[in-house]
Amino acid sequence: MASAVRKKLVIVGDGACGKTCLLIVFSKDQFPKVYVPTVFENYVADIEVDNRQVELALWDTAGQEDYDRLRPLSYPDTDVVLLCYSIDSPDSFENIPEKWLPEVDITSS
């Protein structure tokens, strides 16, 4: 059987908007009980797409402004960027076009 295809997904968004929870539920099928701020964390999910095995590297990033200069280091060689916001935080939604999309666009050029 052919080896798995490897892809990299980076998730970005404001701090405490649910990025880490989303990745943990997807990769480990469990929901974290407590909030722990993330600096950088990586997970791996083995999935099947079109009858092919895909090893999906999930890169969790810190959304706090303190990490604005460090976060772009996670973008090289990224196949998918997932923009995340919290439905109970209008500011996190407004930051998608105002902060996150421009940041991802600039670093992917």
PDB file of N, CA and C in Angstrom:
ATOM      1  N   MET A   1       0.836  -1.181   0.000  1.00  0.00           N
ATOM      2  CA  MET A   1       0.000   0.000   0.000  1.00  0.00           C
ATOM      3  C   MET A   1       0.879   1.242   0.000  1.00  0.00           C
ATOM      4  N   ALA A   2       0.463   2.270  -0.690  1.00  0.00           N
ATOM      5  CA  ALA A   2       1.234   3.512  -0.785  1.00  0.00           C
ATOM      6  C   ALA A   2       1.288   4.213   0.565  1.00  0.00           C
ATOM      7  N   SER A   3       2.375   4.953   0.763  1.00  0.00           N
ATOM      8  CA  SER A   3       2.512   5.680   2.024  1.00  0.00           C
ATOM      9  C   SER A   3       1.513   6.833   2.080  1.00  0.00           C
ATOM     10  N   ALA A   4       1.242   7.273   3.294  1.00  0.00           N
ATOM     11  CA  ALA A   4       0.271   8.346   3.494  1.00  0.00           C
ATOM     12  C   ALA A   4       0.793   9.663   2.935  1.00  0.00           C
ATOM     13  N   VAL A   5      -0.113  10.445   2.417  1.00  0.00           N
ATOM     14  CA  VAL A   5       0.196  11.799   1.978  1.00  0.00           C
ATOM     15  C   VAL A   5       0.290  12.654   3.236  1.00  0.00           C
ATOM     16  N   ARG A   6       1.267  13.548   3.273  1.00  0.00           N
ATOM     17  CA  ARG A   6       1.417  14.424   4.438  1.00  0.00           C
ATOM     18  C   ARG A   6       0.973  15.833   4.085  1.00  0.00           C
ATOM     19  N   LYS A   7       0.132  16.399   4.920  1.00  0.00           N
ATOM     20  CA  LYS A   7      -0.360  17.765   4.744  1.00  0.00           C
ATOM     21  C   LYS A   7      -0.253  18.498   6.074  1.00  0.00           C
ATOM     22  N   LYS A   8      -0.109  19.814   5.969  1.00  0.00           N
ATOM     23  CA  LYS A   8       0.035  20.653   7.165  1.00  0.00           C
ATOM     24  C   LYS A   8      -1.106  21.658   7.231  1.00  0.00           C
ATOM     25  N   LEU A   9      -1.772  21.706   8.385  1.00  0.00           N
ATOM     26  CA  LEU A   9      -2.837  22.661   8.645  1.00  0.00           C
ATOM     27  C   LEU A   9      -2.414  23.549   9.811  1.00  0.00           C
ATOM     28  N   VAL A  10      -2.541  24.856   9.640  1.00  0.00           N
ATOM     29  CA  VAL A  10      -2.266  25.813  10.713  1.00  0.00           C
ATOM     30  C   VAL A  10      -3.578  26.504  11.058  1.00  0.00           C
ATOM     31  N   ILE A  11      -3.907  26.538  12.343  1.00  0.00           N
ATOM     32  CA  ILE A  11      -5.126  27.207  12.794  1.00  0.00           C
ATOM     33  C   ILE A  11      -4.749  28.524  13.467  1.00  0.00           C
ATOM     34  N   VAL A  12      -5.442  29.597  13.091  1.00  0.00           N
ATOM     35  CA  VAL A  12      -5.173  30.920  13.658  1.00  0.00           C
ATOM     36  C   VAL A  12      -6.480  31.581  14.075  1.00  0.00           C
ATOM     37  N   GLY A  13      -6.370  32.500  15.001  1.00  0.00           N
ATOM     38  CA  GLY A  13      -7.519  33.254  15.486  1.00  0.00           C
ATOM     39  C   GLY A  13      -7.182  33.857  16.832  1.00  0.00           C
ATOM     40  N   ASP A  14      -8.075  34.676  17.336  1.00  0.00           N
ATOM     41  CA  ASP A  14      -7.858  35.329  18.624  1.00  0.00           C
ATOM     42  C   ASP A  14      -7.643  34.309  19.740  1.00  0.00           C
ATOM     43  N   GLY A  15      -6.969  34.758  20.798  1.00  0.00           N
ATOM     44  CA  GLY A  15      -6.786  33.911  21.965  1.00  0.00           C
ATOM     45  C   GLY A  15      -8.133  33.535  22.569  1.00  0.00           C
ATOM     46  N   ALA A  16      -8.226  32.321  23.061  1.00  0.00           N
ATOM     47  CA  ALA A  16      -9.418  31.808  23.753  1.00  0.00           C
ATOM     48  C   ALA A  16     -10.657  31.724  22.866  1.00  0.00           C
ATOM     49  N   CYS A  17     -10.463  31.542  21.545  1.00  0.00           N
ATOM     50  CA  CYS A  17     -11.636  31.422  20.672  1.00  0.00           C
ATOM     51  C   CYS A  17     -11.969  29.962  20.355  1.00  0.00           C
ATOM     52  N   GLY A  18     -11.177  29.016  20.855  1.00  0.00           N
ATOM     53  CA  GLY A  18     -11.515  27.611  20.676  1.00  0.00           C
ATOM     54  C   GLY A  18     -10.619  26.836  19.732  1.00  0.00           C
ATOM     55  N   LYS A  19      -9.495  27.408  19.320  1.00  0.00           N
ATOM     56  CA  LYS A  19      -8.606  26.739  18.360  1.00  0.00           C
ATOM     57  C   LYS A  19      -8.099  25.404  18.899  1.00  0.00           C
ATOM     58  N   THR A  20      -7.573  25.423  20.107  1.00  0.00           N
ATOM     59  CA  THR A  20      -7.005  24.208  20.693  1.00  0.00           C
ATOM     60  C   THR A  20      -8.082  23.155  20.903  1.00  0.00           C
ATOM     61  N   CYS A  21      -9.233  23.555  21.421  1.00  0.00           N
ATOM     62  CA  CYS A  21     -10.329  22.605  21.625  1.00  0.00           C
ATOM     63  C   CYS A  21     -10.733  21.941  20.314  1.00  0.00           C
ATOM     64  N   LEU A  22     -10.829  22.725  19.264  1.00  0.00           N
ATOM     65  CA  LEU A  22     -11.203  22.196  17.954  1.00  0.00           C
ATOM     66  C   LEU A  22     -10.213  21.130  17.487  1.00  0.00           C
ATOM     67  N   LEU A  23      -8.925  21.417  17.628  1.00  0.00           N
ATOM     68  CA  LEU A  23      -7.906  20.464  17.190  1.00  0.00           C
ATOM     69  C   LEU A  23      -7.875  19.218  18.062  1.00  0.00           C
ATOM     70  N   ILE A  24      -8.047  19.374  19.365  1.00  0.00           N
ATOM     71  CA  ILE A  24      -8.029  18.209  20.258  1.00  0.00           C
ATOM     72  C   ILE A  24      -9.233  17.308  19.987  1.00  0.00           C
ATOM     73  N   VAL A  25     -10.402  17.891  19.805  1.00  0.00           N
ATOM     74  CA  VAL A  25     -11.580  17.084  19.490  1.00  0.00           C
ATOM     75  C   VAL A  25     -11.378  16.346  18.173  1.00  0.00           C
ATOM     76  N   PHE A  26     -10.828  17.021  17.176  1.00  0.00           N
ATOM     77  CA  PHE A  26     -10.610  16.395  15.869  1.00  0.00           C
ATOM     78  C   PHE A  26      -9.572  15.282  15.939  1.00  0.00           C
ATOM     79  N   SER A  27      -8.452  15.523  16.636  1.00  0.00           N
ATOM     80  CA  SER A  27      -7.355  14.553  16.622  1.00  0.00           C
ATOM     81  C   SER A  27      -7.468  13.472  17.689  1.00  0.00           C
ATOM     82  N   LYS A  28      -8.100  13.788  18.834  1.00  0.00           N
ATOM     83  CA  LYS A  28      -8.135  12.831  19.947  1.00  0.00           C
ATOM     84  C   LYS A  28      -9.544  12.424  20.355  1.00  0.00           C
ATOM     85  N   ASP A  29     -10.544  13.012  19.720  1.00  0.00           N
ATOM     86  CA  ASP A  29     -11.942  12.694  19.991  1.00  0.00           C
ATOM     87  C   ASP A  29     -12.314  12.894  21.466  1.00  0.00           C
ATOM     88  N   GLN A  30     -11.765  13.950  22.067  1.00  0.00           N
ATOM     89  CA  GLN A  30     -12.134  14.305  23.438  1.00  0.00           C
ATOM     90  C   GLN A  30     -12.061  15.816  23.594  1.00  0.00           C
ATOM     91  N   PHE A  31     -12.877  16.344  24.511  1.00  0.00           N
ATOM     92  CA  PHE A  31     -12.927  17.788  24.724  1.00  0.00           C
ATOM     93  C   PHE A  31     -12.163  18.132  25.998  1.00  0.00           C
ATOM     94  N   PRO A  32     -11.228  19.088  25.925  1.00  0.00           N
ATOM     95  CA  PRO A  32     -10.465  19.458  27.121  1.00  0.00           C
ATOM     96  C   PRO A  32     -11.380  20.056  28.199  1.00  0.00           C
ATOM     97  N   LYS A  33     -11.077  19.737  29.445  1.00  0.00           N
ATOM     98  CA  LYS A  33     -11.909  20.200  30.552  1.00  0.00           C
ATOM     99  C   LYS A  33     -11.524  21.591  31.057  1.00  0.00           C
ATOM    100  N   VAL A  34     -10.285  21.990  30.845  1.00  0.00           N
ATOM    101  CA  VAL A  34      -9.827  23.300  31.327  1.00  0.00           C
ATOM    102  C   VAL A  34      -9.153  24.061  30.188  1.00  0.00           C
ATOM    103  N   TYR A  35      -9.165  25.386  30.303  1.00  0.00           N
ATOM    104  CA  TYR A  35      -8.498  26.234  29.313  1.00  0.00           C
ATOM    105  C   TYR A  35      -7.028  26.370  29.671  1.00  0.00           C
ATOM    106  N   VAL A  36      -6.178  26.038  28.721  1.00  0.00           N
ATOM    107  CA  VAL A  36      -4.744  26.240  28.874  1.00  0.00           C
ATOM    108  C   VAL A  36      -4.280  27.028  27.657  1.00  0.00           C
ATOM    109  N   PRO A  37      -3.806  28.261  27.864  1.00  0.00           N
ATOM    110  CA  PRO A  37      -3.338  29.048  26.717  1.00  0.00           C
ATOM    111  C   PRO A  37      -2.216  28.324  25.974  1.00  0.00           C
ATOM    112  N   THR A  38      -2.267  28.381  24.664  1.00  0.00           N
ATOM    113  CA  THR A  38      -1.285  27.705  23.827  1.00  0.00           C
ATOM    114  C   THR A  38      -0.245  28.698  23.338  1.00  0.00           C
ATOM    115  N   VAL A  39       1.011  28.281  23.339  1.00  0.00           N
ATOM    116  CA  VAL A  39       2.041  29.051  22.647  1.00  0.00           C
ATOM    117  C   VAL A  39       2.154  28.452  21.259  1.00  0.00           C
ATOM    118  N   PHE A  40       2.666  27.248  21.151  1.00  0.00           N
ATOM    119  CA  PHE A  40       2.638  26.475  19.910  1.00  0.00           C
ATOM    120  C   PHE A  40       2.504  25.015  20.296  1.00  0.00           C
ATOM    121  N   GLU A  41       1.619  24.318  19.634  1.00  0.00           N
ATOM    122  CA  GLU A  41       1.390  22.912  19.919  1.00  0.00           C
ATOM    123  C   GLU A  41       1.105  22.227  18.591  1.00  0.00           C
ATOM    124  N   ASN A  42       1.524  20.987  18.471  1.00  0.00           N
ATOM    125  CA  ASN A  42       1.283  20.223  17.248  1.00  0.00           C
ATOM    126  C   ASN A  42       0.546  18.936  17.577  1.00  0.00           C
ATOM    127  N   TYR A  43      -0.362  18.566  16.706  1.00  0.00           N
ATOM    128  CA  TYR A  43      -1.100  17.318  16.814  1.00  0.00           C
ATOM    129  C   TYR A  43      -1.039  16.658  15.442  1.00  0.00           C
ATOM    130  N   VAL A  44      -1.336  15.367  15.400  1.00  0.00           N
ATOM    131  CA  VAL A  44      -1.393  14.657  14.123  1.00  0.00           C
ATOM    132  C   VAL A  44      -2.700  13.881  14.075  1.00  0.00           C
ATOM    133  N   ALA A  45      -3.372  13.958  12.950  1.00  0.00           N
ATOM    134  CA  ALA A  45      -4.592  13.192  12.728  1.00  0.00           C
ATOM    135  C   ALA A  45      -4.409  12.378  11.455  1.00  0.00           C
ATOM    136  N   ASP A  46      -4.654  11.092  11.556  1.00  0.00           N
ATOM    137  CA  ASP A  46      -4.627  10.227  10.378  1.00  0.00           C
ATOM    138  C   ASP A  46      -6.054  10.139   9.855  1.00  0.00           C
ATOM    139  N   ILE A  47      -6.247  10.631   8.639  1.00  0.00           N
ATOM    140  CA  ILE A  47      -7.582  10.672   8.054  1.00  0.00           C
ATOM    141  C   ILE A  47      -7.554  10.037   6.669  1.00  0.00           C
ATOM    142  N   GLU A  48      -8.735   9.795   6.127  1.00  0.00           N
ATOM    143  CA  GLU A  48      -8.849   9.261   4.774  1.00  0.00           C
ATOM    144  C   GLU A  48      -9.600  10.263   3.909  1.00  0.00           C
ATOM    145  N   VAL A  49      -9.026  10.580   2.757  1.00  0.00           N
ATOM    146  CA  VAL A  49      -9.636  11.501   1.804  1.00  0.00           C
ATOM    147  C   VAL A  49      -9.592  10.837   0.428  1.00  0.00           C
ATOM    148  N   ASP A  50     -10.748  10.675  -0.190  1.00  0.00           N
ATOM    149  CA  ASP A  50     -10.821  10.030  -1.508  1.00  0.00           C
ATOM    150  C   ASP A  50     -10.089   8.693  -1.526  1.00  0.00           C
ATOM    151  N   ASN A  51     -10.322   7.887  -0.504  1.00  0.00           N
ATOM    152  CA  ASN A  51      -9.722   6.552  -0.377  1.00  0.00           C
ATOM    153  C   ASN A  51      -8.203   6.573  -0.256  1.00  0.00           C
ATOM    154  N   ARG A  52      -7.640   7.695   0.177  1.00  0.00           N
ATOM    155  CA  ARG A  52      -6.189   7.792   0.396  1.00  0.00           C
ATOM    156  C   ARG A  52      -5.936   8.199   1.835  1.00  0.00           C
ATOM    157  N   GLN A  53      -4.934   7.590   2.430  1.00  0.00           N
ATOM    158  CA  GLN A  53      -4.546   7.947   3.790  1.00  0.00           C
ATOM    159  C   GLN A  53      -3.819   9.288   3.775  1.00  0.00           C
ATOM    160  N   VAL A  54      -4.192  10.163   4.692  1.00  0.00           N
ATOM    161  CA  VAL A  54      -3.556  11.471   4.825  1.00  0.00           C
ATOM    162  C   VAL A  54      -3.109  11.639   6.269  1.00  0.00           C
ATOM    163  N   GLU A  55      -1.834  11.952   6.425  1.00  0.00           N
ATOM    164  CA  GLU A  55      -1.310  12.290   7.743  1.00  0.00           C
ATOM    165  C   GLU A  55      -1.372  13.809   7.854  1.00  0.00           C
ATOM    166  N   LEU A  56      -2.319  14.288   8.639  1.00  0.00           N
ATOM    167  CA  LEU A  56      -2.572  15.723   8.739  1.00  0.00           C
ATOM    168  C   LEU A  56      -1.897  16.278   9.990  1.00  0.00           C
ATOM    169  N   ALA A  57      -0.871  17.089   9.772  1.00  0.00           N
ATOM    170  CA  ALA A  57      -0.188  17.757  10.879  1.00  0.00           C
ATOM    171  C   ALA A  57      -0.988  19.001  11.230  1.00  0.00           C
ATOM    172  N   LEU A  58      -1.415  19.089  12.472  1.00  0.00           N
ATOM    173  CA  LEU A  58      -2.247  20.192  12.944  1.00  0.00           C
ATOM    174  C   LEU A  58      -1.395  21.105  13.814  1.00  0.00           C
ATOM    175  N   TRP A  59      -1.175  22.321  13.361  1.00  0.00           N
ATOM    176  CA  TRP A  59      -0.340  23.289  14.078  1.00  0.00           C
ATOM    177  C   TRP A  59      -1.236  24.296  14.771  1.00  0.00           C
ATOM    178  N   ASP A  60      -1.188  24.284  16.087  1.00  0.00           N
ATOM    179  CA  ASP A  60      -1.950  25.213  16.913  1.00  0.00           C
ATOM    180  C   ASP A  60      -1.082  26.430  17.194  1.00  0.00           C
ATOM    181  N   THR A  61      -1.643  27.617  17.080  1.00  0.00           N
ATOM    182  CA  THR A  61      -0.870  28.844  17.285  1.00  0.00           C
ATOM    183  C   THR A  61      -1.476  29.682  18.403  1.00  0.00           C
ATOM    184  N   ALA A  62      -0.671  30.559  18.957  1.00  0.00           N
ATOM    185  CA  ALA A  62      -1.132  31.480  19.992  1.00  0.00           C
ATOM    186  C   ALA A  62      -1.776  32.692  19.332  1.00  0.00           C
ATOM    187  N   GLY A  63      -2.947  33.071  19.801  1.00  0.00           N
ATOM    188  CA  GLY A  63      -3.641  34.208  19.210  1.00  0.00           C
ATOM    189  C   GLY A  63      -3.345  35.536  19.882  1.00  0.00           C
ATOM    190  N   GLN A  64      -2.695  35.498  21.034  1.00  0.00           N
ATOM    191  CA  GLN A  64      -2.425  36.724  21.773  1.00  0.00           C
ATOM    192  C   GLN A  64      -1.418  37.598  21.032  1.00  0.00           C
ATOM    193  N   GLU A  65      -1.564  38.910  21.193  1.00  0.00           N
ATOM    194  CA  GLU A  65      -0.689  39.866  20.505  1.00  0.00           C
ATOM    195  C   GLU A  65       0.780  39.677  20.858  1.00  0.00           C
ATOM    196  N   ASP A  66       1.068  39.160  22.040  1.00  0.00           N
ATOM    197  CA  ASP A  66       2.459  38.927  22.448  1.00  0.00           C
ATOM    198  C   ASP A  66       3.198  38.029  21.459  1.00  0.00           C
ATOM    199  N   TYR A  67       2.456  37.231  20.693  1.00  0.00           N
ATOM    200  CA  TYR A  67       3.069  36.258  19.787  1.00  0.00           C
ATOM    201  C   TYR A  67       2.972  36.663  18.319  1.00  0.00           C
ATOM    202  N   ASP A  68       2.599  37.914  18.052  1.00  0.00           N
ATOM    203  CA  ASP A  68       2.437  38.362  16.663  1.00  0.00           C
ATOM    204  C   ASP A  68       3.708  38.207  15.832  1.00  0.00           C
ATOM    205  N   ARG A  69       4.868  38.395  16.433  1.00  0.00           N
ATOM    206  CA  ARG A  69       6.119  38.288  15.667  1.00  0.00           C
ATOM    207  C   ARG A  69       6.593  36.846  15.541  1.00  0.00           C
ATOM    208  N   LEU A  70       6.186  35.991  16.456  1.00  0.00           N
ATOM    209  CA  LEU A  70       6.625  34.598  16.458  1.00  0.00           C
ATOM    210  C   LEU A  70       5.722  33.701  15.606  1.00  0.00           C
ATOM    211  N   ARG A  71       4.428  33.990  15.601  1.00  0.00           N
ATOM    212  CA  ARG A  71       3.444  33.136  14.934  1.00  0.00           C
ATOM    213  C   ARG A  71       3.740  32.887  13.452  1.00  0.00           C
ATOM    214  N   PRO A  72       4.172  33.900  12.667  1.00  0.00           N
ATOM    215  CA  PRO A  72       4.425  33.647  11.241  1.00  0.00           C
ATOM    216  C   PRO A  72       5.481  32.572  10.964  1.00  0.00           C
ATOM    217  N   LEU A  73       6.265  32.208  11.958  1.00  0.00           N
ATOM    218  CA  LEU A  73       7.241  31.133  11.763  1.00  0.00           C
ATOM    219  C   LEU A  73       6.563  29.784  11.527  1.00  0.00           C
ATOM    220  N   SER A  74       5.300  29.671  11.867  1.00  0.00           N
ATOM    221  CA  SER A  74       4.589  28.407  11.660  1.00  0.00           C
ATOM    222  C   SER A  74       3.975  28.294  10.266  1.00  0.00           C
ATOM    223  N   TYR A  75       3.983  29.363   9.479  1.00  0.00           N
ATOM    224  CA  TYR A  75       3.300  29.357   8.185  1.00  0.00           C
ATOM    225  C   TYR A  75       4.030  28.678   7.022  1.00  0.00           C
ATOM    226  N   PRO A  76       5.363  28.646   6.977  1.00  0.00           N
ATOM    227  CA  PRO A  76       6.004  28.017   5.812  1.00  0.00           C
ATOM    228  C   PRO A  76       5.558  26.562   5.601  1.00  0.00           C
ATOM    229  N   ASP A  77       5.410  26.194   4.354  1.00  0.00           N
ATOM    230  CA  ASP A  77       5.026  24.839   3.936  1.00  0.00           C
ATOM    231  C   ASP A  77       3.627  24.435   4.393  1.00  0.00           C
ATOM    232  N   THR A  78       2.770  25.406   4.647  1.00  0.00           N
ATOM    233  CA  THR A  78       1.402  25.120   5.076  1.00  0.00           C
ATOM    234  C   THR A  78       0.521  24.847   3.861  1.00  0.00           C
ATOM    235  N   ASP A  79      -0.284  23.788   3.968  1.00  0.00           N
ATOM    236  CA  ASP A  79      -1.220  23.437   2.902  1.00  0.00           C
ATOM    237  C   ASP A  79      -2.609  24.025   3.142  1.00  0.00           C
ATOM    238  N   VAL A  80      -2.988  24.149   4.415  1.00  0.00           N
ATOM    239  CA  VAL A  80      -4.320  24.631   4.780  1.00  0.00           C
ATOM    240  C   VAL A  80      -4.192  25.587   5.957  1.00  0.00           C
ATOM    241  N   VAL A  81      -4.883  26.728   5.877  1.00  0.00           N
ATOM    242  CA  VAL A  81      -4.985  27.641   7.015  1.00  0.00           C
ATOM    243  C   VAL A  81      -6.449  27.670   7.429  1.00  0.00           C
ATOM    244  N   LEU A  82      -6.690  27.402   8.700  1.00  0.00           N
ATOM    245  CA  LEU A  82      -8.041  27.427   9.242  1.00  0.00           C
ATOM    246  C   LEU A  82      -8.185  28.670  10.112  1.00  0.00           C
ATOM    247  N   LEU A  83      -9.066  29.579   9.701  1.00  0.00           N
ATOM    248  CA  LEU A  83      -9.314  30.816  10.439  1.00  0.00           C
ATOM    249  C   LEU A  83     -10.439  30.555  11.434  1.00  0.00           C
ATOM    250  N   CYS A  84     -10.175  30.823  12.706  1.00  0.00           N
ATOM    251  CA  CYS A  84     -11.100  30.447  13.768  1.00  0.00           C
ATOM    252  C   CYS A  84     -11.570  31.677  14.540  1.00  0.00           C
ATOM    253  N   TYR A  85     -12.841  31.691  14.906  1.00  0.00           N
ATOM    254  CA  TYR A  85     -13.383  32.748  15.756  1.00  0.00           C
ATOM    255  C   TYR A  85     -14.433  32.134  16.671  1.00  0.00           C
ATOM    256  N   SER A  86     -14.791  32.872  17.701  1.00  0.00           N
ATOM    257  CA  SER A  86     -15.797  32.410  18.652  1.00  0.00           C
ATOM    258  C   SER A  86     -17.126  33.092  18.355  1.00  0.00           C
ATOM    259  N   ILE A  87     -18.200  32.318  18.297  1.00  0.00           N
ATOM    260  CA  ILE A  87     -19.506  32.905  17.986  1.00  0.00           C
ATOM    261  C   ILE A  87     -19.998  33.838  19.089  1.00  0.00           C
ATOM    262  N   ASP A  88     -19.431  33.725  20.288  1.00  0.00           N
ATOM    263  CA  ASP A  88     -19.849  34.629  21.366  1.00  0.00           C
ATOM    264  C   ASP A  88     -18.894  35.810  21.548  1.00  0.00           C
ATOM    265  N   SER A  89     -18.010  36.006  20.565  1.00  0.00           N
ATOM    266  CA  SER A  89     -17.086  37.136  20.614  1.00  0.00           C
ATOM    267  C   SER A  89     -17.077  37.849  19.263  1.00  0.00           C
ATOM    268  N   PRO A  90     -17.911  38.875  19.108  1.00  0.00           N
ATOM    269  CA  PRO A  90     -17.936  39.614  17.842  1.00  0.00           C
ATOM    270  C   PRO A  90     -16.562  40.165  17.456  1.00  0.00           C
ATOM    271  N   ASP A  91     -15.757  40.546  18.443  1.00  0.00           N
ATOM    272  CA  ASP A  91     -14.413  41.048  18.138  1.00  0.00           C
ATOM    273  C   ASP A  91     -13.569  39.992  17.438  1.00  0.00           C
ATOM    274  N   SER A  92     -13.687  38.732  17.878  1.00  0.00           N
ATOM    275  CA  SER A  92     -12.888  37.676  17.247  1.00  0.00           C
ATOM    276  C   SER A  92     -13.322  37.459  15.803  1.00  0.00           C
ATOM    277  N   PHE A  93     -14.612  37.655  15.520  1.00  0.00           N
ATOM    278  CA  PHE A  93     -15.103  37.554  14.145  1.00  0.00           C
ATOM    279  C   PHE A  93     -14.594  38.722  13.305  1.00  0.00           C
ATOM    280  N   GLU A  94     -14.645  39.925  13.865  1.00  0.00           N
ATOM    281  CA  GLU A  94     -14.167  41.110  13.146  1.00  0.00           C
ATOM    282  C   GLU A  94     -12.670  41.043  12.871  1.00  0.00           C
ATOM    283  N   ASN A  95     -11.933  40.346  13.711  1.00  0.00           N
ATOM    284  CA  ASN A  95     -10.487  40.226  13.519  1.00  0.00           C
ATOM    285  C   ASN A  95     -10.105  39.285  12.375  1.00  0.00           C
ATOM    286  N   ILE A  96     -11.045  38.479  11.894  1.00  0.00           N
ATOM    287  CA  ILE A  96     -10.724  37.598  10.756  1.00  0.00           C
ATOM    288  C   ILE A  96     -10.289  38.438   9.553  1.00  0.00           C
ATOM    289  N   PRO A  97     -11.125  39.367   9.049  1.00  0.00           N
ATOM    290  CA  PRO A  97     -10.669  40.160   7.893  1.00  0.00           C
ATOM    291  C   PRO A  97      -9.678  41.267   8.262  1.00  0.00           C
ATOM    292  N   GLU A  98      -9.731  41.734   9.512  1.00  0.00           N
ATOM    293  CA  GLU A  98      -8.885  42.864   9.899  1.00  0.00           C
ATOM    294  C   GLU A  98      -7.466  42.460  10.295  1.00  0.00           C
ATOM    295  N   LYS A  99      -7.306  41.291  10.896  1.00  0.00           N
ATOM    296  CA  LYS A  99      -5.983  40.874  11.376  1.00  0.00           C
ATOM    297  C   LYS A  99      -5.510  39.572  10.752  1.00  0.00           C
ATOM    298  N   TRP A 100      -6.320  38.522  10.868  1.00  0.00           N
ATOM    299  CA  TRP A 100      -5.843  37.180  10.524  1.00  0.00           C
ATOM    300  C   TRP A 100      -5.670  36.960   9.031  1.00  0.00           C
ATOM    301  N   LEU A 101      -6.623  37.367   8.232  1.00  0.00           N
ATOM    302  CA  LEU A 101      -6.487  37.194   6.782  1.00  0.00           C
ATOM    303  C   LEU A 101      -5.294  37.967   6.237  1.00  0.00           C
ATOM    304  N   PRO A 102      -5.108  39.241   6.612  1.00  0.00           N
ATOM    305  CA  PRO A 102      -3.909  39.951   6.137  1.00  0.00           C
ATOM    306  C   PRO A 102      -2.603  39.302   6.609  1.00  0.00           C
ATOM    307  N   GLU A 103      -2.571  38.811   7.848  1.00  0.00           N
ATOM    308  CA  GLU A 103      -1.345  38.182   8.345  1.00  0.00           C
ATOM    309  C   GLU A 103      -1.004  36.932   7.546  1.00  0.00           C
ATOM    310  N   VAL A 104      -1.993  36.107   7.310  1.00  0.00           N
ATOM    311  CA  VAL A 104      -1.767  34.872   6.550  1.00  0.00           C
ATOM    312  C   VAL A 104      -1.409  35.200   5.109  1.00  0.00           C
ATOM    313  N   ASP A 105      -2.082  36.180   4.520  1.00  0.00           N
ATOM    314  CA  ASP A 105      -1.834  36.567   3.130  1.00  0.00           C
ATOM    315  C   ASP A 105      -0.419  37.103   2.945  1.00  0.00           C
ATOM    316  N   ILE A 106       0.031  37.939   3.848  1.00  0.00           N
ATOM    317  CA  ILE A 106       1.377  38.524   3.755  1.00  0.00           C
ATOM    318  C   ILE A 106       2.449  37.450   3.869  1.00  0.00           C
ATOM    319  N   THR A 107       2.280  36.532   4.805  1.00  0.00           N
ATOM    320  CA  THR A 107       3.328  35.537   5.034  1.00  0.00           C
ATOM    321  C   THR A 107       3.309  34.416   4.007  1.00  0.00           C
ATOM    322  N   SER A 108       2.216  34.274   3.261  1.00  0.00           N
ATOM    323  CA  SER A 108       2.175  33.205   2.262  1.00  0.00           C
ATOM    324  C   SER A 108       2.678  33.657   0.903  1.00  0.00           C
ATOM    325  N   SER A 109       2.974  34.926   0.766  1.00  0.00           N
ATOM    326  CA  SER A 109       3.441  35.452  -0.528  1.00  0.00           C
ATOM    327  C   SER A 109       4.872  35.058  -0.813  1.00  0.00           C
TER     328      SER A 109
END
